[in-house]
Amino acid sequence: PLVSNLTTKLDKADADRVAMRITGTVSAAPKAESRAAGKEDDQSGPMAEMMSKMKIENGKIAGTEEISRKDGVVVKTTSELAMDISNVRRKLTHP
């Protein structure tokens, strides 16, 4: 799982809508959190092994959100997520 740490800033507010700017970072959840969420045992085999060794670096998220002041419904959302994903290279073999 991924963990995000976000900051939300008010961009604009009028009688109809509230507009916010969202920025933050994204990283891999610590192993203890993954196990507690029951995600560790969801898969097995070469793909699960590869995923367990995956590293996420330089994760950034940016976006906007507009919310209706009349009913609290999200009217518009944009987001952009960028990260470097690396893995320990290993040759996969099948029996």
N, C-alpha and C. Protein backbone atom coordinates (compact mmCIF):
# COMPACT_ATOMS: atom_id res chain seq x y z
N PRO A 1 0.81 -1.20 0.00
CA PRO A 1 0.00 0.00 0.00
C PRO A 1 0.85 1.26 0.00
N LEU A 2 0.27 2.33 -0.46
CA LEU A 2 0.93 3.63 -0.47
C LEU A 2 0.43 4.49 0.69
N VAL A 3 1.29 5.38 1.17
CA VAL A 3 0.95 6.34 2.20
C VAL A 3 1.14 7.73 1.62
N SER A 4 0.16 8.60 1.80
CA SER A 4 0.31 9.97 1.31
C SER A 4 0.25 10.94 2.49
N ASN A 5 1.05 11.99 2.39
CA ASN A 5 1.09 13.05 3.38
C ASN A 5 0.73 14.33 2.63
N LEU A 6 -0.48 14.84 2.86
CA LEU A 6 -1.00 15.93 2.04
C LEU A 6 -1.15 17.22 2.81
N THR A 7 -1.02 18.32 2.08
CA THR A 7 -1.30 19.65 2.58
C THR A 7 -2.37 20.25 1.68
N THR A 8 -3.42 20.79 2.30
CA THR A 8 -4.51 21.39 1.55
C THR A 8 -4.56 22.87 1.86
N LYS A 9 -4.62 23.70 0.83
CA LYS A 9 -4.69 25.15 1.01
C LYS A 9 -5.90 25.69 0.27
N LEU A 10 -6.59 26.60 0.91
CA LEU A 10 -7.75 27.24 0.30
C LEU A 10 -7.29 28.18 -0.81
N ASP A 11 -7.81 27.97 -2.01
CA ASP A 11 -7.49 28.83 -3.15
C ASP A 11 -8.55 29.91 -3.33
N LYS A 12 -9.81 29.50 -3.20
CA LYS A 12 -10.89 30.43 -3.48
C LYS A 12 -12.16 29.92 -2.80
N ALA A 13 -12.97 30.84 -2.32
CA ALA A 13 -14.27 30.48 -1.76
C ALA A 13 -15.27 31.56 -2.17
N ASP A 14 -16.39 31.12 -2.72
CA ASP A 14 -17.47 32.06 -3.05
C ASP A 14 -18.78 31.44 -2.57
N ALA A 15 -19.89 32.02 -2.95
CA ALA A 15 -21.19 31.55 -2.47
C ALA A 15 -21.51 30.13 -2.94
N ASP A 16 -20.95 29.71 -4.08
CA ASP A 16 -21.28 28.41 -4.66
C ASP A 16 -20.26 27.31 -4.38
N ARG A 17 -18.98 27.66 -4.40
CA ARG A 17 -17.94 26.62 -4.33
C ARG A 17 -16.76 27.03 -3.46
N VAL A 18 -16.05 26.00 -3.01
CA VAL A 18 -14.77 26.17 -2.33
C VAL A 18 -13.74 25.45 -3.20
N ALA A 19 -12.64 26.13 -3.52
CA ALA A 19 -11.58 25.53 -4.33
C ALA A 19 -10.32 25.42 -3.48
N MET A 20 -9.70 24.23 -3.53
CA MET A 20 -8.49 23.98 -2.74
C MET A 20 -7.37 23.46 -3.62
N ARG A 21 -6.15 23.73 -3.19
CA ARG A 21 -4.95 23.21 -3.84
C ARG A 21 -4.35 22.16 -2.92
N ILE A 22 -3.99 21.02 -3.48
CA ILE A 22 -3.46 19.91 -2.69
C ILE A 22 -2.04 19.59 -3.16
N THR A 23 -1.11 19.49 -2.23
CA THR A 23 0.27 19.08 -2.55
C THR A 23 0.72 18.09 -1.48
N GLY A 24 1.69 17.28 -1.81
CA GLY A 24 2.20 16.36 -0.81
C GLY A 24 3.16 15.34 -1.35
N THR A 25 3.43 14.35 -0.51
CA THR A 25 4.36 13.29 -0.86
C THR A 25 3.66 11.93 -0.77
N VAL A 26 4.23 10.96 -1.50
CA VAL A 26 3.72 9.59 -1.52
C VAL A 26 4.89 8.66 -1.28
N SER A 27 4.68 7.65 -0.44
CA SER A 27 5.73 6.66 -0.19
C SER A 27 5.07 5.30 0.05
N ALA A 28 5.89 4.27 0.09
CA ALA A 28 5.39 2.93 0.39
C ALA A 28 5.08 2.85 1.88
N ALA A 29 4.03 2.12 2.22
CA ALA A 29 3.70 1.91 3.63
C ALA A 29 4.78 1.06 4.27
N PRO A 30 5.12 1.34 5.51
CA PRO A 30 6.08 0.48 6.21
C PRO A 30 5.56 -0.96 6.24
N LYS A 31 6.46 -1.92 6.29
CA LYS A 31 6.08 -3.34 6.26
C LYS A 31 5.08 -3.68 7.37
N ALA A 32 5.25 -3.11 8.56
CA ALA A 32 4.34 -3.41 9.67
C ALA A 32 2.91 -3.01 9.31
N GLU A 33 2.72 -1.86 8.65
CA GLU A 33 1.39 -1.43 8.24
C GLU A 33 0.81 -2.36 7.19
N SER A 34 1.63 -2.83 6.27
CA SER A 34 1.16 -3.75 5.24
C SER A 34 0.65 -5.04 5.87
N ARG A 35 1.40 -5.56 6.82
CA ARG A 35 0.99 -6.81 7.49
C ARG A 35 -0.29 -6.59 8.29
N ALA A 36 -0.38 -5.47 8.99
CA ALA A 36 -1.56 -5.19 9.80
C ALA A 36 -2.80 -5.06 8.94
N ALA A 37 -2.65 -4.55 7.73
CA ALA A 37 -3.78 -4.39 6.81
C ALA A 37 -4.12 -5.70 6.11
N GLY A 38 -3.32 -6.74 6.35
CA GLY A 38 -3.58 -8.04 5.73
C GLY A 38 -3.18 -8.11 4.28
N LYS A 39 -2.35 -7.22 3.83
CA LYS A 39 -1.96 -7.16 2.42
C LYS A 39 -0.79 -8.08 2.10
N GLU A 40 -0.03 -8.44 3.10
CA GLU A 40 1.20 -9.21 2.87
C GLU A 40 0.92 -10.59 2.24
N ASP A 41 -0.18 -11.22 2.65
CA ASP A 41 -0.44 -12.59 2.23
C ASP A 41 -1.44 -12.69 1.08
N ASP A 42 -1.78 -11.57 0.44
CA ASP A 42 -2.76 -11.58 -0.63
C ASP A 42 -2.29 -12.37 -1.85
N GLN A 43 -0.99 -12.38 -2.11
CA GLN A 43 -0.45 -13.05 -3.27
C GLN A 43 0.77 -13.86 -2.87
N SER A 44 1.11 -14.80 -3.73
CA SER A 44 2.34 -15.54 -3.50
C SER A 44 3.00 -15.77 -4.85
N GLY A 45 4.23 -16.21 -4.83
CA GLY A 45 4.93 -16.49 -6.06
C GLY A 45 5.85 -15.36 -6.48
N PRO A 46 6.35 -15.43 -7.71
CA PRO A 46 7.33 -14.46 -8.19
C PRO A 46 6.83 -13.01 -8.18
N MET A 47 5.57 -12.78 -8.52
CA MET A 47 5.04 -11.42 -8.56
C MET A 47 5.00 -10.83 -7.14
N ALA A 48 4.55 -11.59 -6.18
CA ALA A 48 4.50 -11.12 -4.80
C ALA A 48 5.89 -10.81 -4.28
N GLU A 49 6.87 -11.65 -4.65
CA GLU A 49 8.25 -11.41 -4.22
C GLU A 49 8.78 -10.11 -4.82
N MET A 50 8.50 -9.88 -6.10
CA MET A 50 8.94 -8.66 -6.76
C MET A 50 8.30 -7.44 -6.09
N MET A 51 7.00 -7.51 -5.81
CA MET A 51 6.30 -6.39 -5.20
C MET A 51 6.84 -6.10 -3.80
N SER A 52 7.21 -7.14 -3.06
CA SER A 52 7.69 -6.93 -1.69
C SER A 52 9.05 -6.23 -1.68
N LYS A 53 9.81 -6.33 -2.76
CA LYS A 53 11.13 -5.70 -2.83
C LYS A 53 11.11 -4.35 -3.53
N MET A 54 9.95 -3.95 -4.01
CA MET A 54 9.82 -2.69 -4.75
C MET A 54 10.08 -1.50 -3.82
N LYS A 55 10.77 -0.51 -4.34
CA LYS A 55 11.06 0.71 -3.60
C LYS A 55 10.43 1.89 -4.33
N ILE A 56 9.82 2.77 -3.57
CA ILE A 56 9.22 3.98 -4.14
C ILE A 56 9.97 5.16 -3.57
N GLU A 57 10.46 6.03 -4.47
CA GLU A 57 11.22 7.21 -4.06
C GLU A 57 10.69 8.43 -4.80
N ASN A 58 10.93 9.60 -4.24
CA ASN A 58 10.58 10.88 -4.85
C ASN A 58 9.10 10.98 -5.20
N GLY A 59 8.24 10.39 -4.39
CA GLY A 59 6.81 10.42 -4.66
C GLY A 59 6.21 11.79 -4.36
N LYS A 60 5.55 12.35 -5.35
CA LYS A 60 4.92 13.66 -5.20
C LYS A 60 3.50 13.61 -5.75
N ILE A 61 2.61 14.35 -5.10
CA ILE A 61 1.24 14.46 -5.57
C ILE A 61 0.84 15.92 -5.55
N ALA A 62 0.09 16.33 -6.58
CA ALA A 62 -0.39 17.70 -6.67
C ALA A 62 -1.76 17.66 -7.32
N GLY A 63 -2.64 18.56 -6.90
CA GLY A 63 -3.96 18.58 -7.51
C GLY A 63 -4.82 19.69 -6.99
N THR A 64 -6.07 19.67 -7.43
CA THR A 64 -7.06 20.65 -7.00
C THR A 64 -8.37 19.93 -6.70
N GLU A 65 -9.20 20.59 -5.92
CA GLU A 65 -10.52 20.04 -5.63
C GLU A 65 -11.49 21.19 -5.44
N GLU A 66 -12.65 21.06 -6.06
CA GLU A 66 -13.72 22.03 -5.89
C GLU A 66 -14.91 21.33 -5.25
N ILE A 67 -15.46 21.96 -4.21
CA ILE A 67 -16.57 21.37 -3.47
C ILE A 67 -17.73 22.35 -3.46
N SER A 68 -18.93 21.83 -3.71
CA SER A 68 -20.14 22.64 -3.68
C SER A 68 -20.44 23.05 -2.24
N ARG A 69 -20.73 24.32 -2.02
CA ARG A 69 -21.09 24.79 -0.69
C ARG A 69 -22.55 24.49 -0.38
N LYS A 70 -23.33 24.19 -1.39
CA LYS A 70 -24.75 23.91 -1.17
C LYS A 70 -24.97 22.54 -0.55
N ASP A 71 -24.27 21.51 -1.06
CA ASP A 71 -24.52 20.15 -0.58
C ASP A 71 -23.26 19.38 -0.19
N GLY A 72 -22.07 19.98 -0.31
CA GLY A 72 -20.83 19.31 0.08
C GLY A 72 -20.30 18.30 -0.91
N VAL A 73 -20.91 18.23 -2.10
CA VAL A 73 -20.50 17.27 -3.12
C VAL A 73 -19.26 17.79 -3.85
N VAL A 74 -18.31 16.89 -4.11
CA VAL A 74 -17.12 17.25 -4.88
C VAL A 74 -17.56 17.49 -6.33
N VAL A 75 -17.28 18.67 -6.85
CA VAL A 75 -17.69 19.05 -8.19
C VAL A 75 -16.61 18.72 -9.21
N LYS A 76 -15.34 18.92 -8.81
CA LYS A 76 -14.23 18.68 -9.74
C LYS A 76 -12.98 18.34 -8.94
N THR A 77 -12.25 17.36 -9.42
CA THR A 77 -10.98 16.97 -8.80
C THR A 77 -9.96 16.71 -9.89
N THR A 78 -8.75 17.22 -9.69
CA THR A 78 -7.63 16.88 -10.57
C THR A 78 -6.48 16.44 -9.68
N SER A 79 -5.69 15.49 -10.16
CA SER A 79 -4.51 15.09 -9.39
C SER A 79 -3.46 14.53 -10.33
N GLU A 80 -2.22 14.75 -9.95
CA GLU A 80 -1.08 14.23 -10.70
C GLU A 80 -0.15 13.59 -9.69
N LEU A 81 0.21 12.35 -9.96
CA LEU A 81 1.06 11.58 -9.07
C LEU A 81 2.31 11.17 -9.84
N ALA A 82 3.48 11.42 -9.26
CA ALA A 82 4.75 11.05 -9.90
C ALA A 82 5.65 10.40 -8.85
N MET A 83 6.33 9.32 -9.25
CA MET A 83 7.26 8.65 -8.34
C MET A 83 8.24 7.82 -9.13
N ASP A 84 9.37 7.54 -8.52
CA ASP A 84 10.36 6.63 -9.08
C ASP A 84 10.15 5.28 -8.42
N ILE A 85 9.99 4.24 -9.23
CA ILE A 85 9.79 2.89 -8.71
C ILE A 85 10.99 2.05 -9.14
N SER A 86 11.60 1.40 -8.17
CA SER A 86 12.74 0.53 -8.49
C SER A 86 12.55 -0.80 -7.77
N ASN A 87 13.28 -1.78 -8.24
CA ASN A 87 13.17 -3.11 -7.68
C ASN A 87 14.55 -3.75 -7.74
N VAL A 88 14.80 -4.63 -6.81
CA VAL A 88 16.04 -5.40 -6.85
C VAL A 88 15.91 -6.36 -8.03
N ARG A 89 16.81 -6.25 -8.99
CA ARG A 89 16.72 -7.09 -10.18
C ARG A 89 17.09 -8.53 -9.84
N ARG A 90 16.30 -9.44 -10.36
CA ARG A 90 16.53 -10.84 -10.10
C ARG A 90 15.92 -11.63 -11.26
N LYS A 91 16.58 -12.68 -11.61
CA LYS A 91 16.09 -13.52 -12.68
C LYS A 91 14.97 -14.41 -12.15
N LEU A 92 13.81 -14.37 -12.81
CA LEU A 92 12.69 -15.22 -12.42
C LEU A 92 12.74 -16.53 -13.19
N THR A 93 12.61 -17.62 -12.48
CA THR A 93 12.60 -18.92 -13.15
C THR A 93 11.35 -19.68 -12.74
N HIS A 94 10.88 -20.50 -13.64
CA HIS A 94 9.71 -21.34 -13.36
C HIS A 94 10.19 -22.78 -13.30
N PRO A 95 9.60 -23.55 -12.38
CA PRO A 95 10.02 -24.96 -12.27
C PRO A 95 9.77 -25.76 -13.51
